[in-house]
Each structure stands twice: as C-alpha cells, then as structure tokens.
C-alpha cells in the first residue's frame, strides 16, 4: 500500500498562511544548506547553499529572501531559524540573535523520522524535516521536538575546566599503561610511573633474565616519562584554576553548598555545578531527564516492561552521579538515601546492585537539586562543617 509520504506529489508543507520566513540550516564543514519557506511562495521550499562558516553570505541570502517576500506580499516578515545541535556549538545561534533573528537549536534525536529499515537521507530531506518541525513547534504542538537551551558564553567557558581535566586524566592513564607495557615485555613488573622517584628507579631496573634495560628501550621510556610529567603539570594547573573558580563563588552558591557535604570534593562539586545544577529546572522529572536518568517504559497492549534509563542527557553528569552514588554509600551510610539502597538490595536478596545504584543516582541528583535551589537538606546527611 502506497502512503502519502511515498507519492512524488506529496506536499512539502501543510500551512501557507505564514507570519514569518521559516529557515532551517544544515551545517557542515564545507557548505551550509539553507531551506526556507516564505509567505506567498506556496508550499514549495527553496534551497540555497553558502560556504561553511560564511555568516556574511548567510545574512546576504536572508536579505534576498526578505526582499523577494516583500515583492510578493508587500510586507516585511521576520525570520525564524532552526539548526541542529552538533559540532558547530552555539556560535551561529548567537550570531543570528545578535542580528535580531529568532534562532532555535534543536536536539536532532528528538525529531521523528521514518522507521523503515532503509530510508532515504540527504541534506535536502533533513532540511525540509527541520522546517516542518519548526512550523509545528511554533504552532504550539506538544513534544514535536526538543529545543536545546543554549548556555551563555560564560557558562560554556566555565565547564571547560572539568572537561579538560577529564581529557588529561585519560591521556595520563594511557601513558602510564604504555610504560608498564614496555617494561612488562622485558619481565619487569611493579614499576609505578606516577611515583616521584620514577627516574631513579628506572636506572636500577633489570630485565627478567638479569640484564640491564636496553638503551633504546630506556630512551623510549624516558620520552614517555617526559610526556607524562608534562601532563601532570597541566593537570595541576587545571585543578588550581578550578579551585580558584570555586573559591570565588559566594557562600550561598551551589558549588559552595555542595562542598559542605561530606563525600563531595572539589571535582565532583565543579562537575555537578557546571554540567547541570547551574540550569533552571521546573521539576524533578526535568532534572532526571537532563542527566539521562529518566526511566524508559515500553508498553503496548499486554506488554509492559522497563528498558532502563534513557541515557539521552548529559553523559558527563550521568557518569559523575554514578560514581558519586557509590561513594555516597561509603561516606553517608546513615543518610536516608543510603538506607533506602540497603533496604532495596536486601529485598532483592543481595542482587541487582548495579541497577539499584542507578536509581540511587537519580534520587541523589534530585535531592542535591532541591538542596542547592531550595535549601532542603538531605535527611540524615553529614556535613563537613557544623
């Protein structure tokens, strides 16, 4: 059976009485595809291409679209622009808003697509789908798509410290493992590259068959240690900047309040604050959804099961909360949340700890959000300062 969407003459839009010029941007490194639907232009969408990164050329095309629309209708219409969140960040959105243009950034995963096993996908098709989603969003249709709330330049720059430290830690682990692997191939184990006497110990190492380290191997390990020491210095510099940023906050700031709780150190406080708790949420469901810890049901007829958490939110915040949930059991064993975890695990016969720790992370995030926004102290929590 042929559907309406399969027909070549299927309309590209369902509304022609527009009060604005609706534009979608398909962004790539080389080109930007502009798909627009203008008043007086019927149901057909026009497509134009500009060079990637050429904001002046983009604004020039916008001026041409406005002039053509004015010539057809005799009126001047504003622009409403939509683009997908991606590698380009939010600078294009800010540039358009500085020009007085209404701009939206959409989560691409929230736009409904065909569920066919093999579906057509081109920039032109995606551009038209974005325009339709924007039309539905402006009509007020619920849940048609999820618009991203762009952070301010200050908020975006502030969270770079924790993200950079995470990258440096991964590189440090990689260099440590490489040094250990090179030495283990010669029968040497127990060498710790992170110790301060790493270079002195390197000169005293012997292979498993009693030989001194070969010259080229020793030179390679020393170069690895040079890169490792550079990483250690950069990690210290980033942590110092992070501590200065936390110290500059007011006493009632979320980061300072989080540091008062036993078990939450500077790194956890900075990540929780910069990745999630600086935002405004209307309710606890929005908080859990932003971290990707919201439940995902699967219900159809007599089938009703739980698929686990959505994992659709901030992955850095979600990972940190899982780690914090395990540490919470150690540092806050008498809190209401820890007692709830123990009771739930006991009820399951000591099983499903990993599943329950995710539920604890969700409860902990909501409790911390209430604490930093409304001052509601978690029941049974131990503070660092009395």
Protein backbone atom coordinates (compact mmCIF):
# COMPACT_ATOMS: atom_id res chain seq x y z
CA UNK A 1 0.00 0.00 0.00
CA UNK A 2 1.40 3.35 -1.02
CA UNK A 3 1.35 6.01 1.67
CA UNK A 4 1.02 9.74 1.15
CA UNK A 5 4.68 10.25 2.03
CA UNK A 6 5.71 7.87 -0.79
CA UNK A 7 3.96 9.83 -3.52
CA UNK A 8 6.12 12.20 -5.60
CA UNK A 9 3.41 14.86 -5.49
CA UNK A 10 3.23 14.80 -1.67
CA UNK A 11 3.17 18.36 -0.31
CA UNK A 12 6.25 19.63 1.49
CA UNK A 13 4.24 21.75 3.93
CA UNK A 14 0.72 21.89 5.29
CA UNK A 15 0.48 25.57 6.12
CA UNK A 16 0.77 28.54 3.79
CA UNK A 17 -0.61 31.41 5.90
CA UNK A 18 2.78 32.09 7.46
CA UNK A 19 3.61 35.05 9.66
CA UNK A 20 7.35 34.71 9.22
CA UNK A 21 10.04 33.29 6.98
CA UNK A 22 10.94 29.88 8.35
CA UNK A 23 14.50 28.76 7.67
CA UNK A 24 16.48 25.62 8.53
CA UNK A 25 20.26 25.31 8.36
CA UNK A 26 22.00 22.04 7.53
CA UNK A 27 25.57 22.69 8.66
CA UNK A 28 28.77 21.01 7.52
CA UNK A 29 32.42 22.00 7.34
CA UNK A 30 32.28 22.80 3.63
CA UNK A 31 28.76 24.09 2.95
CA UNK A 32 25.63 25.33 4.69
CA UNK A 33 22.30 24.36 3.12
CA UNK A 34 19.55 26.95 3.62
CA UNK A 35 16.00 25.58 3.34
CA UNK A 36 13.29 28.23 3.58
CA UNK A 37 9.50 28.51 3.43
CA UNK A 38 8.31 32.04 2.79
CA UNK A 39 4.84 33.66 2.84
CA UNK A 40 3.32 33.98 -0.63
CA UNK A 41 5.62 31.31 -2.02
CA UNK A 42 3.10 28.48 -1.94
CA UNK A 43 4.01 25.14 -0.42
CA UNK A 44 7.35 24.75 -2.14
CA UNK A 45 10.51 25.14 -0.08
CA UNK A 46 13.51 26.86 -1.62
CA UNK A 47 17.08 25.68 -1.08
CA UNK A 48 20.29 27.69 -1.30
CA UNK A 49 23.89 26.90 -0.45
CA UNK A 50 26.57 29.11 1.09
CA UNK A 51 30.13 28.34 2.03
CA UNK A 52 30.57 26.85 5.50
CA UNK A 53 31.35 29.49 8.13
CA UNK A 54 30.32 32.40 5.88
CA UNK A 55 27.97 34.31 8.18
CA UNK A 56 28.07 37.38 5.93
CA UNK A 57 26.96 35.28 2.98
CA UNK A 58 24.21 33.74 5.12
CA UNK A 59 22.87 37.15 6.11
CA UNK A 60 23.02 38.26 2.48
CA UNK A 61 20.85 35.30 1.46
CA UNK A 62 18.45 36.20 4.25
CA UNK A 63 18.21 39.74 2.89
CA UNK A 64 17.40 38.37 -0.58
CA UNK A 65 14.69 36.11 0.83
CA UNK A 66 13.13 39.03 2.69
CA UNK A 67 13.20 41.22 -0.41
CA UNK A 68 11.54 38.53 -2.58
CA UNK A 69 8.87 38.00 0.06
CA UNK A 70 8.24 41.74 0.28
CA UNK A 71 7.90 41.93 -3.51
CA UNK A 72 5.31 39.11 -3.49
CA UNK A 73 3.26 40.16 -0.47
CA UNK A 74 4.08 43.82 0.09
CA UNK A 75 5.00 43.09 3.71
CA UNK A 76 8.24 42.60 5.63
CA UNK A 77 8.38 39.39 7.65
CA UNK A 78 10.78 38.37 10.41
CA UNK A 79 12.95 35.26 10.27
CA UNK A 80 12.64 32.16 12.41
CA UNK A 81 15.70 29.90 12.07
CA UNK A 82 16.36 26.37 13.29
CA UNK A 83 19.54 24.29 13.31
CA UNK A 84 20.63 21.03 14.86
CA UNK A 85 22.92 20.89 17.88
CA UNK A 86 26.27 19.48 16.82
CA UNK A 87 29.96 20.16 16.36
CA UNK A 88 29.37 23.80 15.45
CA UNK A 89 28.34 24.60 19.01
CA UNK A 90 26.25 27.69 19.65
CA UNK A 91 28.23 30.47 17.99
CA UNK A 92 25.98 30.55 14.90
CA UNK A 93 22.91 30.79 17.13
CA UNK A 94 24.48 33.72 19.00
CA UNK A 95 25.49 35.44 15.74
CA UNK A 96 21.92 35.24 14.45
CA UNK A 97 20.45 36.53 17.71
CA UNK A 98 22.88 39.45 17.64
CA UNK A 99 21.32 40.37 14.28
CA UNK A 100 17.85 40.33 15.82
CA UNK A 101 16.87 36.98 14.24
CA UNK A 102 14.86 34.44 16.23
CA UNK A 103 17.04 31.34 16.37
CA UNK A 104 16.44 27.85 17.78
CA UNK A 105 18.80 24.92 18.33
CA UNK A 106 17.08 21.53 18.29
CA UNK A 107 18.15 18.17 19.60
CA UNK A 108 18.41 16.11 16.37
CA UNK A 109 17.46 12.88 18.16
CA UNK A 110 14.09 14.37 19.15
CA UNK A 111 12.84 14.79 15.57
CA UNK A 112 10.67 11.91 14.40
CA UNK A 113 11.94 10.01 11.33
CA UNK A 114 10.73 7.15 9.21
CA UNK A 115 11.10 3.74 10.85
CA UNK A 116 11.76 1.95 7.57
CA UNK A 117 14.77 -0.33 7.55
CA UNK A 118 16.28 1.57 4.63
CA UNK A 119 15.21 5.19 4.42
CA UNK A 120 16.45 7.99 2.22
CA UNK A 121 18.63 10.59 3.91
CA UNK A 122 20.03 13.70 2.28
CA UNK A 123 20.72 17.24 3.41
CA UNK A 124 17.70 18.38 1.41
CA UNK A 125 15.36 15.89 3.10
CA UNK A 126 16.74 16.76 6.53
CA UNK A 127 16.38 20.48 5.83
CA UNK A 128 12.71 20.10 4.93
CA UNK A 129 12.12 17.97 8.02
CA UNK A 130 13.64 20.69 10.18
CA UNK A 131 11.36 23.33 8.65
CA UNK A 132 8.29 21.15 9.31
CA UNK A 133 9.40 20.59 12.89
CA UNK A 134 9.88 24.34 13.32
CA UNK A 135 6.40 25.05 11.95
CA UNK A 136 4.84 22.55 14.32
CA UNK A 137 6.85 23.94 17.24
CA UNK A 138 5.72 27.50 16.55
CA UNK A 139 2.10 26.29 16.28
CA UNK A 140 2.45 25.03 19.82
CA UNK A 141 2.24 21.31 19.13
CA UNK A 142 3.48 19.45 22.23
CA UNK A 143 6.52 17.15 22.11
CA UNK A 144 7.11 17.70 18.40
CA UNK A 145 10.80 18.26 19.13
CA UNK A 146 13.11 19.24 21.98
CA UNK A 147 14.78 22.63 21.73
CA UNK A 148 18.18 22.98 23.35
CA UNK A 149 18.67 25.76 25.87
CA UNK A 150 21.97 27.26 24.83
CA UNK A 151 24.32 28.19 27.69
CA UNK A 152 25.77 31.65 27.95
CA UNK A 153 29.39 32.13 26.81
CA UNK A 154 30.44 32.37 30.46
CA UNK A 155 28.65 29.13 31.40
CA UNK A 156 30.07 27.36 28.35
CA UNK A 157 33.60 28.51 29.14
CA UNK A 158 33.33 27.65 32.84
CA UNK A 159 32.68 23.96 32.27
CA UNK A 160 35.78 23.57 30.10
CA UNK A 161 37.97 23.15 33.18
CA UNK A 162 36.39 19.88 34.28
CA UNK A 163 36.19 18.58 30.72
CA UNK A 164 39.84 19.39 30.07
CA UNK A 165 40.87 17.65 33.28
CA UNK A 166 38.96 14.55 32.20
CA UNK A 167 40.83 14.51 28.89
CA UNK A 168 44.17 14.94 30.64
CA UNK A 169 43.41 12.11 33.06
CA UNK A 170 42.64 9.79 30.14
CA UNK A 171 45.94 10.71 28.49
CA UNK A 172 47.78 10.16 31.77
CA UNK A 173 46.34 6.66 32.09
CA UNK A 174 47.35 5.93 28.50
CA UNK A 175 50.99 6.93 29.09
CA UNK A 176 51.19 5.03 32.39
CA UNK A 177 49.87 1.88 30.75
CA UNK A 178 52.27 2.25 27.85
CA UNK A 179 55.28 2.49 30.17
CA UNK A 180 54.10 -0.53 32.16
CA UNK A 181 53.54 -2.49 28.95
CA UNK A 182 57.02 -1.74 27.62
CA UNK A 183 58.63 -2.88 30.86
CA UNK A 184 56.39 -5.92 31.26
CA UNK A 185 57.59 -7.19 27.87
CA UNK A 186 61.04 -7.43 29.47
CA UNK A 187 59.80 -9.27 32.55
CA UNK A 188 59.60 -6.17 34.78
CA UNK A 189 56.51 -5.58 36.94
CA UNK A 190 55.82 -3.38 39.93
CA UNK A 191 57.18 -0.17 38.39
CA UNK A 192 54.91 2.81 39.08
CA UNK A 193 55.45 5.74 36.67
CA UNK A 194 53.45 8.12 38.91
CA UNK A 195 55.89 7.89 41.82
CA UNK A 196 58.23 10.80 42.33
CA UNK A 197 61.34 8.59 42.17
CA UNK A 198 60.32 7.15 38.79
CA UNK A 199 63.53 8.20 37.03
CA UNK A 200 65.83 6.97 39.79
CA UNK A 201 64.06 3.60 39.84
CA UNK A 202 64.28 3.36 36.05
CA UNK A 203 68.09 3.38 36.22
CA UNK A 204 68.09 0.43 38.63
CA UNK A 205 65.69 -1.83 36.73
CA UNK A 206 66.80 -5.16 35.35
CA UNK A 207 65.04 -7.45 32.91
CA UNK A 208 63.59 -10.78 33.94
CA UNK A 209 66.69 -12.60 32.73
CA UNK A 210 69.06 -10.38 34.72
CA UNK A 211 70.12 -7.88 32.03
CA UNK A 212 70.13 -4.11 32.24
CA UNK A 213 67.49 -2.28 30.27
CA UNK A 214 68.41 -1.94 26.58
CA UNK A 215 69.49 1.58 25.66
CA UNK A 216 66.76 2.25 23.10
CA UNK A 217 64.05 0.91 25.40
CA UNK A 218 65.29 3.08 28.24
CA UNK A 219 65.34 6.11 25.94
CA UNK A 220 61.76 5.38 24.84
CA UNK A 221 60.58 5.04 28.43
CA UNK A 222 62.28 8.34 29.32
CA UNK A 223 60.47 10.12 26.50
CA UNK A 224 57.21 8.64 27.74
CA UNK A 225 58.05 9.95 31.21
CA UNK A 226 58.72 13.40 29.72
CA UNK A 227 55.21 13.48 28.25
CA UNK A 228 53.77 12.07 31.46
CA UNK A 229 55.41 14.78 33.57
CA UNK A 230 54.06 17.44 31.23
CA UNK A 231 50.57 16.01 31.70
CA UNK A 232 50.99 16.02 35.47
CA UNK A 233 51.92 19.70 35.38
CA UNK A 234 48.92 20.53 33.19
CA UNK A 235 46.58 18.61 35.49
CA UNK A 236 47.88 20.59 38.47
CA UNK A 237 47.36 23.85 36.57
CA UNK A 238 43.78 22.94 35.65
CA UNK A 239 42.98 21.88 39.21
CA UNK A 240 44.41 25.15 40.52
CA UNK A 241 42.16 27.13 38.14
CA UNK A 242 39.20 25.02 39.24
CA UNK A 243 39.90 25.67 42.94
CA UNK A 244 40.18 29.40 42.28
CA UNK A 245 36.86 29.34 40.45
CA UNK A 246 35.18 27.52 43.33
CA UNK A 247 36.71 29.83 45.93
CA UNK A 248 35.42 32.87 44.07
CA UNK A 249 31.82 31.74 44.47
CA UNK A 250 29.64 33.21 47.16
CA UNK A 251 28.86 31.24 50.28
CA UNK A 252 25.31 30.50 49.11
CA UNK A 253 26.38 29.47 45.58
CA UNK A 254 25.56 25.89 44.51
CA UNK A 255 29.21 24.87 44.28
CA UNK A 256 29.98 26.15 47.77
CA UNK A 257 26.91 24.42 49.19
CA UNK A 258 27.90 21.12 47.58
CA UNK A 259 31.38 21.33 49.10
CA UNK A 260 29.81 21.42 52.56
CA UNK A 261 28.53 17.85 52.16
CA UNK A 262 30.84 15.08 53.30
CA UNK A 263 31.91 12.90 50.39
CA UNK A 264 31.74 15.65 47.74
CA UNK A 265 35.11 17.12 46.85
CA UNK A 266 36.11 19.97 44.53
CA UNK A 267 35.98 17.88 41.33
CA UNK A 268 32.51 16.44 41.97
CA UNK A 269 31.20 19.82 43.09
CA UNK A 270 32.57 21.55 39.99
CA UNK A 271 31.11 18.93 37.62
CA UNK A 272 27.69 18.88 39.28
CA UNK A 273 27.55 22.65 39.22
CA UNK A 274 28.98 23.38 35.76
CA UNK A 275 27.31 20.47 33.93
CA UNK A 276 23.81 20.56 35.38
CA UNK A 277 22.86 22.38 38.55
CA UNK A 278 23.55 25.84 37.12
CA UNK A 279 20.47 25.42 34.91
CA UNK A 280 16.87 26.13 35.84
CA UNK A 281 14.53 23.14 36.10
CA UNK A 282 10.80 23.27 36.76
CA UNK A 283 10.51 19.87 38.42
CA UNK A 284 12.43 16.75 39.36
CA UNK A 285 11.48 14.96 36.13
CA UNK A 286 13.31 17.58 34.11
CA UNK A 287 16.35 17.18 36.36
CA UNK A 288 16.49 13.42 35.89
CA UNK A 289 15.81 13.73 32.17
CA UNK A 290 18.66 16.20 31.67
CA UNK A 291 21.11 13.70 33.17
CA UNK A 292 19.70 10.82 31.13
CA UNK A 293 18.49 9.06 34.29
CA UNK A 294 14.79 9.15 33.46
CA UNK A 295 13.05 5.75 33.12
CA UNK A 296 12.14 4.48 29.64
CA UNK A 297 8.97 2.34 29.66
CA UNK A 298 7.92 0.01 26.84
CA UNK A 299 4.19 -0.55 26.92
CA UNK A 300 1.99 -1.92 24.16
CA UNK A 301 -1.14 -3.92 24.86
CA UNK A 302 -0.31 -6.59 27.39
CA UNK A 303 3.44 -5.87 27.11
CA UNK A 304 4.66 -3.61 29.90
CA UNK A 305 8.33 -3.59 30.80
CA UNK A 306 11.08 -1.16 31.72
CA UNK A 307 14.01 -0.57 29.36
CA UNK A 308 16.21 1.18 31.90
CA UNK A 309 17.36 4.79 31.90
CA UNK A 310 17.12 6.78 28.69
CA UNK A 311 20.83 7.81 28.52
CA UNK A 312 19.64 10.74 26.41
CA UNK A 313 21.01 13.50 28.64
CA UNK A 314 24.39 14.84 29.66
CA UNK A 315 26.78 11.85 29.73
CA UNK A 316 29.39 13.62 31.89
CA UNK A 317 26.83 14.45 34.55
CA UNK A 318 25.40 10.93 34.45
CA UNK A 319 28.83 9.28 34.83
CA UNK A 320 29.73 11.55 37.74
CA UNK A 321 26.45 10.77 39.51
CA UNK A 322 27.01 7.02 39.23
CA UNK A 323 30.48 7.43 40.77
CA UNK A 324 29.11 9.73 43.46
CA UNK A 325 26.35 7.23 44.29
CA UNK A 326 28.91 4.53 45.11
CA UNK A 327 30.92 6.96 47.23
CA UNK A 328 27.73 8.15 48.92
CA UNK A 329 27.25 4.69 50.42
CA UNK A 330 30.72 4.90 51.95
CA UNK A 331 30.68 8.47 53.27
CA UNK A 332 26.96 8.82 54.09
CA UNK A 333 25.92 5.34 55.32
CA UNK A 334 23.28 6.70 57.74
CA UNK A 335 21.55 9.00 55.27
CA UNK A 336 18.03 8.24 54.12
CA UNK A 337 19.21 7.56 50.58
CA UNK A 338 21.85 5.05 51.68
CA UNK A 339 19.37 3.29 53.94
CA UNK A 340 16.89 3.12 51.06
CA UNK A 341 19.58 1.49 48.89
CA UNK A 342 20.44 -1.10 51.54
CA UNK A 343 16.78 -1.94 52.07
CA UNK A 344 16.13 -2.31 48.34
CA UNK A 345 19.20 -4.56 47.85
CA UNK A 346 18.20 -6.65 50.88
CA UNK A 347 14.71 -7.05 49.46
CA UNK A 348 16.21 -8.36 46.21
CA UNK A 349 18.32 -10.91 48.06
CA UNK A 350 21.58 -9.00 47.59
CA UNK A 351 21.22 -8.89 43.81
CA UNK A 352 20.72 -6.05 41.28
CA UNK A 353 23.17 -3.69 42.98
CA UNK A 354 24.19 -2.06 39.70
CA UNK A 355 20.58 -1.47 38.73
CA UNK A 356 19.75 -0.08 42.16
CA UNK A 357 22.79 2.24 42.17
CA UNK A 358 21.40 3.94 39.06
CA UNK A 359 18.12 4.55 40.88
CA UNK A 360 20.12 5.90 43.82
CA UNK A 361 21.99 8.25 41.46
CA UNK A 362 18.67 9.61 40.19
CA UNK A 363 17.36 10.16 43.71
CA UNK A 364 20.66 11.74 44.73
CA UNK A 365 20.58 14.19 41.83
CA UNK A 366 17.04 15.28 42.67
CA UNK A 367 17.98 15.63 46.36
CA UNK A 368 21.06 17.73 45.52
CA UNK A 369 18.99 19.90 43.18
CA UNK A 370 16.48 20.59 45.96
CA UNK A 371 19.37 21.31 48.32
CA UNK A 372 21.10 23.92 46.15
CA UNK A 373 17.90 25.58 44.92
CA UNK A 374 15.58 25.48 47.94
CA UNK A 375 17.99 24.68 50.79
CA UNK A 376 16.31 21.35 51.57
CA UNK A 377 18.97 19.33 53.41
CA UNK A 378 19.06 15.61 52.62
CA UNK A 379 17.72 13.58 55.54
CA UNK A 380 20.49 12.09 57.66
CA UNK A 381 23.33 13.71 55.70
CA UNK A 382 26.61 14.53 57.45
CA UNK A 383 28.05 17.97 56.73
CA UNK A 384 31.71 18.88 56.81
CA UNK A 385 31.08 21.98 58.87
CA UNK A 386 28.75 22.08 61.87
